[in-house]
PDB file of N, CA and C in Angstrom:
ATOM      1  N   MET A   1       0.816  -1.177   0.000  1.00  0.00           N
ATOM      2  CA  MET A   1       0.000   0.000   0.000  1.00  0.00           C
ATOM      3  C   MET A   1       0.867   1.251   0.000  1.00  0.00           C
ATOM      4  N   MET A   2       0.443   2.248  -0.723  1.00  0.00           N
ATOM      5  CA  MET A   2       1.178   3.489  -0.795  1.00  0.00           C
ATOM      6  C   MET A   2       0.969   4.286   0.498  1.00  0.00           C
ATOM      7  N   THR A   3       2.019   4.890   0.988  1.00  0.00           N
ATOM      8  CA  THR A   3       1.874   5.727   2.168  1.00  0.00           C
ATOM      9  C   THR A   3       1.409   7.109   1.760  1.00  0.00           C
ATOM     10  N   ILE A   4       0.830   7.804   2.690  1.00  0.00           N
ATOM     11  CA  ILE A   4       0.272   9.128   2.410  1.00  0.00           C
ATOM     12  C   ILE A   4       1.341  10.090   1.915  1.00  0.00           C
ATOM     13  N   SER A   5       2.535  10.050   2.501  1.00  0.00           N
ATOM     14  CA  SER A   5       3.581  11.008   2.165  1.00  0.00           C
ATOM     15  C   SER A   5       4.095  10.859   0.730  1.00  0.00           C
ATOM     16  N   ASN A   6       3.865   9.715   0.077  1.00  0.00           N
ATOM     17  CA  ASN A   6       4.342   9.499  -1.283  1.00  0.00           C
ATOM     18  C   ASN A   6       3.424  10.074  -2.351  1.00  0.00           C
ATOM     19  N   ASP A   7       2.276  10.568  -1.982  1.00  0.00           N
ATOM     20  CA  ASP A   7       1.301  11.047  -2.959  1.00  0.00           C
ATOM     21  C   ASP A   7       1.026  12.534  -2.734  1.00  0.00           C
ATOM     22  N   PRO A   8       1.579  13.406  -3.581  1.00  0.00           N
ATOM     23  CA  PRO A   8       1.378  14.840  -3.380  1.00  0.00           C
ATOM     24  C   PRO A   8      -0.063  15.299  -3.625  1.00  0.00           C
ATOM     25  N   TRP A   9      -0.875  14.474  -4.268  1.00  0.00           N
ATOM     26  CA  TRP A   9      -2.254  14.849  -4.566  1.00  0.00           C
ATOM     27  C   TRP A   9      -3.244  14.396  -3.505  1.00  0.00           C
ATOM     28  N   HIS A  10      -2.797  13.568  -2.578  1.00  0.00           N
ATOM     29  CA  HIS A  10      -3.706  13.035  -1.556  1.00  0.00           C
ATOM     30  C   HIS A  10      -3.973  14.069  -0.472  1.00  0.00           C
ATOM     31  N   PHE A  11      -5.246  14.279  -0.163  1.00  0.00           N
ATOM     32  CA  PHE A  11      -5.654  15.142   0.946  1.00  0.00           C
ATOM     33  C   PHE A  11      -5.977  14.239   2.119  1.00  0.00           C
ATOM     34  N   PRO A  12      -5.109  14.181   3.127  1.00  0.00           N
ATOM     35  CA  PRO A  12      -5.325  13.260   4.243  1.00  0.00           C
ATOM     36  C   PRO A  12      -6.579  13.606   5.046  1.00  0.00           C
ATOM     37  N   ARG A  13      -7.335  12.591   5.351  1.00  0.00           N
ATOM     38  CA  ARG A  13      -8.529  12.741   6.188  1.00  0.00           C
ATOM     39  C   ARG A  13      -8.298  11.953   7.479  1.00  0.00           C
ATOM     40  N   THR A  14      -7.235  12.310   8.172  1.00  0.00           N
ATOM     41  CA  THR A  14      -6.793  11.576   9.347  1.00  0.00           C
ATOM     42  C   THR A  14      -7.826  11.596  10.461  1.00  0.00           C
ATOM     43  N   GLU A  15      -8.423  12.748  10.725  1.00  0.00           N
ATOM     44  CA  GLU A  15      -9.403  12.842  11.810  1.00  0.00           C
ATOM     45  C   GLU A  15     -10.636  11.988  11.527  1.00  0.00           C
ATOM     46  N   LEU A  16     -11.097  11.989  10.296  1.00  0.00           N
ATOM     47  CA  LEU A  16     -12.241  11.158   9.931  1.00  0.00           C
ATOM     48  C   LEU A  16     -11.891   9.678  10.079  1.00  0.00           C
ATOM     49  N   ALA A  17     -10.693   9.304   9.650  1.00  0.00           N
ATOM     50  CA  ALA A  17     -10.258   7.911   9.794  1.00  0.00           C
ATOM     51  C   ALA A  17     -10.202   7.519  11.269  1.00  0.00           C
ATOM     52  N   LYS A  18      -9.697   8.417  12.116  1.00  0.00           N
ATOM     53  CA  LYS A  18      -9.637   8.134  13.555  1.00  0.00           C
ATOM     54  C   LYS A  18     -11.035   7.970  14.140  1.00  0.00           C
ATOM     55  N   GLN A  19     -11.983   8.790  13.692  1.00  0.00           N
ATOM     56  CA  GLN A  19     -13.359   8.682  14.188  1.00  0.00           C
ATOM     57  C   GLN A  19     -13.975   7.340  13.794  1.00  0.00           C
ATOM     58  N   ILE A  20     -13.776   6.954  12.557  1.00  0.00           N
ATOM     59  CA  ILE A  20     -14.340   5.687  12.080  1.00  0.00           C
ATOM     60  C   ILE A  20     -13.712   4.515  12.821  1.00  0.00           C
ATOM     61  N   LEU A  21     -12.389   4.515  12.936  1.00  0.00           N
ATOM     62  CA  LEU A  21     -11.714   3.416  13.620  1.00  0.00           C
ATOM     63  C   LEU A  21     -11.982   3.446  15.123  1.00  0.00           C
ATOM     64  N   GLY A  22     -12.344   4.610  15.652  1.00  0.00           N
ATOM     65  CA  GLY A  22     -12.702   4.716  17.060  1.00  0.00           C
ATOM     66  C   GLY A  22     -13.929   3.884  17.406  1.00  0.00           C
ATOM     67  N   MET A  23     -14.793   3.642  16.432  1.00  0.00           N
ATOM     68  CA  MET A  23     -15.965   2.790  16.660  1.00  0.00           C
ATOM     69  C   MET A  23     -15.543   1.380  17.055  1.00  0.00           C
ATOM     70  N   PHE A  24     -14.420   0.915  16.521  1.00  0.00           N
ATOM     71  CA  PHE A  24     -13.922  -0.415  16.867  1.00  0.00           C
ATOM     72  C   PHE A  24     -13.298  -0.418  18.262  1.00  0.00           C
ATOM     73  N   GLU A  25     -12.590   0.663  18.570  1.00  0.00           N
ATOM     74  CA  GLU A  25     -11.946   0.766  19.878  1.00  0.00           C
ATOM     75  C   GLU A  25     -12.976   0.780  21.008  1.00  0.00           C
ATOM     76  N   THR A  26     -14.118   1.418  20.763  1.00  0.00           N
ATOM     77  CA  THR A  26     -15.147   1.528  21.800  1.00  0.00           C
ATOM     78  C   THR A  26     -16.116   0.357  21.799  1.00  0.00           C
ATOM     79  N   GLY A  27     -16.030  -0.483  20.781  1.00  0.00           N
ATOM     80  CA  GLY A  27     -16.918  -1.638  20.710  1.00  0.00           C
ATOM     81  C   GLY A  27     -18.238  -1.364  20.020  1.00  0.00           C
ATOM     82  N   LEU A  28     -18.394  -0.191  19.429  1.00  0.00           N
ATOM     83  CA  LEU A  28     -19.634   0.126  18.714  1.00  0.00           C
ATOM     84  C   LEU A  28     -19.756  -0.627  17.391  1.00  0.00           C
ATOM     85  N   ALA A  29     -18.623  -1.087  16.859  1.00  0.00           N
ATOM     86  CA  ALA A  29     -18.641  -1.814  15.584  1.00  0.00           C
ATOM     87  C   ALA A  29     -17.646  -2.962  15.650  1.00  0.00           C
ATOM     88  N   SER A  30     -17.936  -4.025  14.896  1.00  0.00           N
ATOM     89  CA  SER A  30     -17.006  -5.144  14.817  1.00  0.00           C
ATOM     90  C   SER A  30     -16.537  -5.390  13.385  1.00  0.00           C
ATOM     91  N   SER A  31     -17.194  -4.771  12.420  1.00  0.00           N
ATOM     92  CA  SER A  31     -16.761  -4.867  11.029  1.00  0.00           C
ATOM     93  C   SER A  31     -17.260  -3.640  10.286  1.00  0.00           C
ATOM     94  N   LEU A  32     -16.675  -3.408   9.137  1.00  0.00           N
ATOM     95  CA  LEU A  32     -17.022  -2.227   8.358  1.00  0.00           C
ATOM     96  C   LEU A  32     -16.889  -2.566   6.881  1.00  0.00           C
ATOM     97  N   THR A  33     -17.883  -2.220   6.119  1.00  0.00           N
ATOM     98  CA  THR A  33     -17.852  -2.435   4.682  1.00  0.00           C
ATOM     99  C   THR A  33     -18.106  -1.111   3.992  1.00  0.00           C
ATOM    100  N   PHE A  34     -17.200  -0.716   3.118  1.00  0.00           N
ATOM    101  CA  PHE A  34     -17.372   0.477   2.296  1.00  0.00           C
ATOM    102  C   PHE A  34     -17.655   0.009   0.883  1.00  0.00           C
ATOM    103  N   LEU A  35     -18.529   0.681   0.218  1.00  0.00           N
ATOM    104  CA  LEU A  35     -18.788   0.418  -1.194  1.00  0.00           C
ATOM    105  C   LEU A  35     -18.447   1.682  -1.974  1.00  0.00           C
ATOM    106  N   PRO A  36     -17.149   1.918  -2.188  1.00  0.00           N
ATOM    107  CA  PRO A  36     -16.737   3.167  -2.832  1.00  0.00           C
ATOM    108  C   PRO A  36     -17.164   3.245  -4.288  1.00  0.00           C
ATOM    109  N   ARG A  37     -17.660   4.393  -4.648  1.00  0.00           N
ATOM    110  CA  ARG A  37     -18.067   4.648  -6.026  1.00  0.00           C
ATOM    111  C   ARG A  37     -17.117   5.608  -6.718  1.00  0.00           C
ATOM    112  N   ALA A  38     -16.444   6.427  -5.930  1.00  0.00           N
ATOM    113  CA  ALA A  38     -15.565   7.445  -6.503  1.00  0.00           C
ATOM    114  C   ALA A  38     -14.113   7.174  -6.106  1.00  0.00           C
ATOM    115  N   GLU A  39     -13.203   7.742  -6.851  1.00  0.00           N
ATOM    116  CA  GLU A  39     -11.773   7.538  -6.600  1.00  0.00           C
ATOM    117  C   GLU A  39     -11.366   8.041  -5.217  1.00  0.00           C
ATOM    118  N   TRP A  40     -11.931   9.161  -4.764  1.00  0.00           N
ATOM    119  CA  TRP A  40     -11.540   9.694  -3.450  1.00  0.00           C
ATOM    120  C   TRP A  40     -11.933   8.736  -2.334  1.00  0.00           C
ATOM    121  N   GLU A  41     -13.007   7.990  -2.529  1.00  0.00           N
ATOM    122  CA  GLU A  41     -13.422   7.031  -1.503  1.00  0.00           C
ATOM    123  C   GLU A  41     -12.440   5.874  -1.427  1.00  0.00           C
ATOM    124  N   LYS A  42     -11.961   5.409  -2.592  1.00  0.00           N
ATOM    125  CA  LYS A  42     -10.956   4.349  -2.602  1.00  0.00           C
ATOM    126  C   LYS A  42      -9.662   4.845  -1.962  1.00  0.00           C
ATOM    127  N   GLU A  43      -9.287   6.081  -2.265  1.00  0.00           N
ATOM    128  CA  GLU A  43      -8.084   6.657  -1.664  1.00  0.00           C
ATOM    129  C   GLU A  43      -8.224   6.754  -0.154  1.00  0.00           C
ATOM    130  N   PHE A  44      -9.396   7.139   0.322  1.00  0.00           N
ATOM    131  CA  PHE A  44      -9.629   7.234   1.765  1.00  0.00           C
ATOM    132  C   PHE A  44      -9.426   5.871   2.423  1.00  0.00           C
ATOM    133  N   LEU A  45      -9.939   4.838   1.813  1.00  0.00           N
ATOM    134  CA  LEU A  45      -9.769   3.493   2.368  1.00  0.00           C
ATOM    135  C   LEU A  45      -8.312   3.051   2.341  1.00  0.00           C
ATOM    136  N   ARG A  46      -7.660   3.243   1.215  1.00  0.00           N
ATOM    137  CA  ARG A  46      -6.305   2.723   1.033  1.00  0.00           C
ATOM    138  C   ARG A  46      -5.238   3.575   1.686  1.00  0.00           C
ATOM    139  N   LYS A  47      -5.451   4.885   1.766  1.00  0.00           N
ATOM    140  CA  LYS A  47      -4.383   5.775   2.232  1.00  0.00           C
ATOM    141  C   LYS A  47      -4.628   6.375   3.612  1.00  0.00           C
ATOM    142  N   ASP A  48      -5.836   6.272   4.117  1.00  0.00           N
ATOM    143  CA  ASP A  48      -6.131   6.812   5.445  1.00  0.00           C
ATOM    144  C   ASP A  48      -6.548   5.716   6.419  1.00  0.00           C
ATOM    145  N   ILE A  49      -7.598   4.976   6.075  1.00  0.00           N
ATOM    146  CA  ILE A  49      -8.115   3.944   6.972  1.00  0.00           C
ATOM    147  C   ILE A  49      -7.117   2.784   7.121  1.00  0.00           C
ATOM    148  N   ALA A  50      -6.661   2.211   6.024  1.00  0.00           N
ATOM    149  CA  ALA A  50      -5.813   1.014   6.081  1.00  0.00           C
ATOM    150  C   ALA A  50      -4.498   1.236   6.832  1.00  0.00           C
ATOM    151  N   PRO A  51      -3.748   2.310   6.557  1.00  0.00           N
ATOM    152  CA  PRO A  51      -2.498   2.493   7.301  1.00  0.00           C
ATOM    153  C   PRO A  51      -2.723   2.691   8.803  1.00  0.00           C
ATOM    154  N   LEU A  52      -3.734   3.460   9.171  1.00  0.00           N
ATOM    155  CA  LEU A  52      -4.018   3.681  10.585  1.00  0.00           C
ATOM    156  C   LEU A  52      -4.459   2.390  11.268  1.00  0.00           C
ATOM    157  N   ALA A  53      -5.301   1.632  10.606  1.00  0.00           N
ATOM    158  CA  ALA A  53      -5.752   0.353  11.165  1.00  0.00           C
ATOM    159  C   ALA A  53      -4.574  -0.601  11.330  1.00  0.00           C
ATOM    160  N   GLY A  54      -3.670  -0.617  10.373  1.00  0.00           N
ATOM    161  CA  GLY A  54      -2.481  -1.459  10.472  1.00  0.00           C
ATOM    162  C   GLY A  54      -1.603  -1.055  11.643  1.00  0.00           C
ATOM    163  N   GLN A  55      -1.465   0.248  11.881  1.00  0.00           N
ATOM    164  CA  GLN A  55      -0.683   0.730  13.020  1.00  0.00           C
ATOM    165  C   GLN A  55      -1.312   0.297  14.345  1.00  0.00           C
ATOM    166  N   LEU A  56      -2.631   0.155  14.346  1.00  0.00           N
ATOM    167  CA  LEU A  56      -3.335  -0.269  15.551  1.00  0.00           C
ATOM    168  C   LEU A  56      -3.312  -1.783  15.731  1.00  0.00           C
ATOM    169  N   GLY A  57      -2.688  -2.488  14.771  1.00  0.00           N
ATOM    170  CA  GLY A  57      -2.550  -3.933  14.869  1.00  0.00           C
ATOM    171  C   GLY A  57      -3.698  -4.714  14.268  1.00  0.00           C
ATOM    172  N   TRP A  58      -4.528  -4.075  13.473  1.00  0.00           N
ATOM    173  CA  TRP A  58      -5.659  -4.750  12.854  1.00  0.00           C
ATOM    174  C   TRP A  58      -5.267  -5.250  11.482  1.00  0.00           C
ATOM    175  N   ARG A  59      -5.861  -6.359  11.101  1.00  0.00           N
ATOM    176  CA  ARG A  59      -5.663  -6.882   9.745  1.00  0.00           C
ATOM    177  C   ARG A  59      -6.589  -6.121   8.814  1.00  0.00           C
ATOM    178  N   VAL A  60      -6.045  -5.743   7.683  1.00  0.00           N
ATOM    179  CA  VAL A  60      -6.807  -4.954   6.708  1.00  0.00           C
ATOM    180  C   VAL A  60      -6.892  -5.734   5.411  1.00  0.00           C
ATOM    181  N   PHE A  61      -8.093  -5.808   4.861  1.00  0.00           N
ATOM    182  CA  PHE A  61      -8.309  -6.482   3.590  1.00  0.00           C
ATOM    183  C   PHE A  61      -9.023  -5.517   2.658  1.00  0.00           C
ATOM    184  N   TYR A  62      -8.431  -5.269   1.506  1.00  0.00           N
ATOM    185  CA  TYR A  62      -9.044  -4.405   0.496  1.00  0.00           C
ATOM    186  C   TYR A  62      -9.138  -5.198  -0.789  1.00  0.00           C
ATOM    187  N   PHE A  63     -10.321  -5.222  -1.357  1.00  0.00           N
ATOM    188  CA  PHE A  63     -10.522  -5.907  -2.625  1.00  0.00           C
ATOM    189  C   PHE A  63     -11.471  -5.088  -3.474  1.00  0.00           C
ATOM    190  N   SER A  64     -11.144  -4.920  -4.730  1.00  0.00           N
ATOM    191  CA  SER A  64     -11.989  -4.176  -5.654  1.00  0.00           C
ATOM    192  C   SER A  64     -12.465  -5.103  -6.764  1.00  0.00           C
ATOM    193  N   PHE A  65     -13.769  -5.316  -6.820  1.00  0.00           N
ATOM    194  CA  PHE A  65     -14.326  -6.114  -7.907  1.00  0.00           C
ATOM    195  C   PHE A  65     -14.137  -5.411  -9.249  1.00  0.00           C
ATOM    196  N   LEU A  66     -14.144  -4.079  -9.239  1.00  0.00           N
ATOM    197  CA  LEU A  66     -13.946  -3.337 -10.480  1.00  0.00           C
ATOM    198  C   LEU A  66     -12.532  -3.538 -11.021  1.00  0.00           C
ATOM    199  N   ASP A  67     -11.541  -3.544 -10.120  1.00  0.00           N
ATOM    200  CA  ASP A  67     -10.163  -3.746 -10.561  1.00  0.00           C
ATOM    201  C   ASP A  67      -9.913  -5.185 -10.994  1.00  0.00           C
ATOM    202  N   ALA A  68     -10.623  -6.133 -10.392  1.00  0.00           N
ATOM    203  CA  ALA A  68     -10.412  -7.547 -10.712  1.00  0.00           C
ATOM    204  C   ALA A  68     -11.035  -7.919 -12.057  1.00  0.00           C
ATOM    205  N   GLY A  69     -12.054  -7.194 -12.471  1.00  0.00           N
ATOM    206  CA  GLY A  69     -12.688  -7.461 -13.754  1.00  0.00           C
ATOM    207  C   GLY A  69     -13.307  -8.840 -13.838  1.00  0.00           C
ATOM    208  N   LEU A  70     -13.029  -9.550 -14.911  1.00  0.00           N
ATOM    209  CA  LEU A  70     -13.611 -10.867 -15.145  1.00  0.00           C
ATOM    210  C   LEU A  70     -13.047 -11.941 -14.226  1.00  0.00           C
ATOM    211  N   HIS A  71     -11.944 -11.655 -13.549  1.00  0.00           N
ATOM    212  CA  HIS A  71     -11.290 -12.649 -12.702  1.00  0.00           C
ATOM    213  C   HIS A  71     -11.706 -12.543 -11.242  1.00  0.00           C
ATOM    214  N   SER A  72     -12.799 -11.841 -10.961  1.00  0.00           N
ATOM    215  CA  SER A  72     -13.204 -11.643  -9.576  1.00  0.00           C
ATOM    216  C   SER A  72     -13.880 -12.876  -8.957  1.00  0.00           C
ATOM    217  N   GLU A  73     -14.387 -13.779  -9.786  1.00  0.00           N
ATOM    218  CA  GLU A  73     -15.041 -14.965  -9.243  1.00  0.00           C
ATOM    219  C   GLU A  73     -14.024 -15.821  -8.486  1.00  0.00           C
ATOM    220  N   GLY A  74     -14.289 -16.046  -7.236  1.00  0.00           N
ATOM    221  CA  GLY A  74     -13.409 -16.863  -6.412  1.00  0.00           C
ATOM    222  C   GLY A  74     -12.189 -16.135  -5.882  1.00  0.00           C
ATOM    223  N   ALA A  75     -12.041 -14.864  -6.201  1.00  0.00           N
ATOM    224  CA  ALA A  75     -10.850 -14.130  -5.757  1.00  0.00           C
ATOM    225  C   ALA A  75     -10.923 -13.772  -4.281  1.00  0.00           C
ATOM    226  N   VAL A  76     -12.107 -13.542  -3.761  1.00  0.00           N
ATOM    227  CA  VAL A  76     -12.250 -13.163  -2.355  1.00  0.00           C
ATOM    228  C   VAL A  76     -12.191 -14.409  -1.486  1.00  0.00           C
ATOM    229  N   CYS A  77     -13.060 -15.350  -1.731  1.00  0.00           N
ATOM    230  CA  CYS A  77     -12.985 -16.628  -1.030  1.00  0.00           C
ATOM    231  C   CYS A  77     -13.578 -17.696  -1.926  1.00  0.00           C
ATOM    232  N   LYS A  78     -13.002 -18.817  -1.827  1.00  0.00           N
ATOM    233  CA  LYS A  78     -13.424 -19.924  -2.686  1.00  0.00           C
ATOM    234  C   LYS A  78     -13.712 -21.120  -1.804  1.00  0.00           C
ATOM    235  N   SER A  79     -14.903 -21.654  -1.902  1.00  0.00           N
ATOM    236  CA  SER A  79     -15.220 -22.834  -1.099  1.00  0.00           C
ATOM    237  C   SER A  79     -14.794 -24.084  -1.864  1.00  0.00           C
ATOM    238  N   SER A  80     -14.402 -25.093  -1.110  1.00  0.00           N
ATOM    239  CA  SER A  80     -13.918 -26.322  -1.749  1.00  0.00           C
ATOM    240  C   SER A  80     -15.028 -27.285  -2.038  1.00  0.00           C
TER     241      SER A  80
END
């Protein structure tokens, strides 16, 4: 994942990311699903939420069906 400092065009939304991840710290949430439609939403997930969550010791999984194209079947999980 790209770090925030490597992208001169990224506008960090650190406080918003902290608020969202704070829901996990307080026990208000146990999972979170974003359905990004715009590029800024994907950037927020990849460049703000994911790095902060990783620093907190959480496992982060990001998958884009749009980026996977025709090969998305079975890419997330495949039952035997």
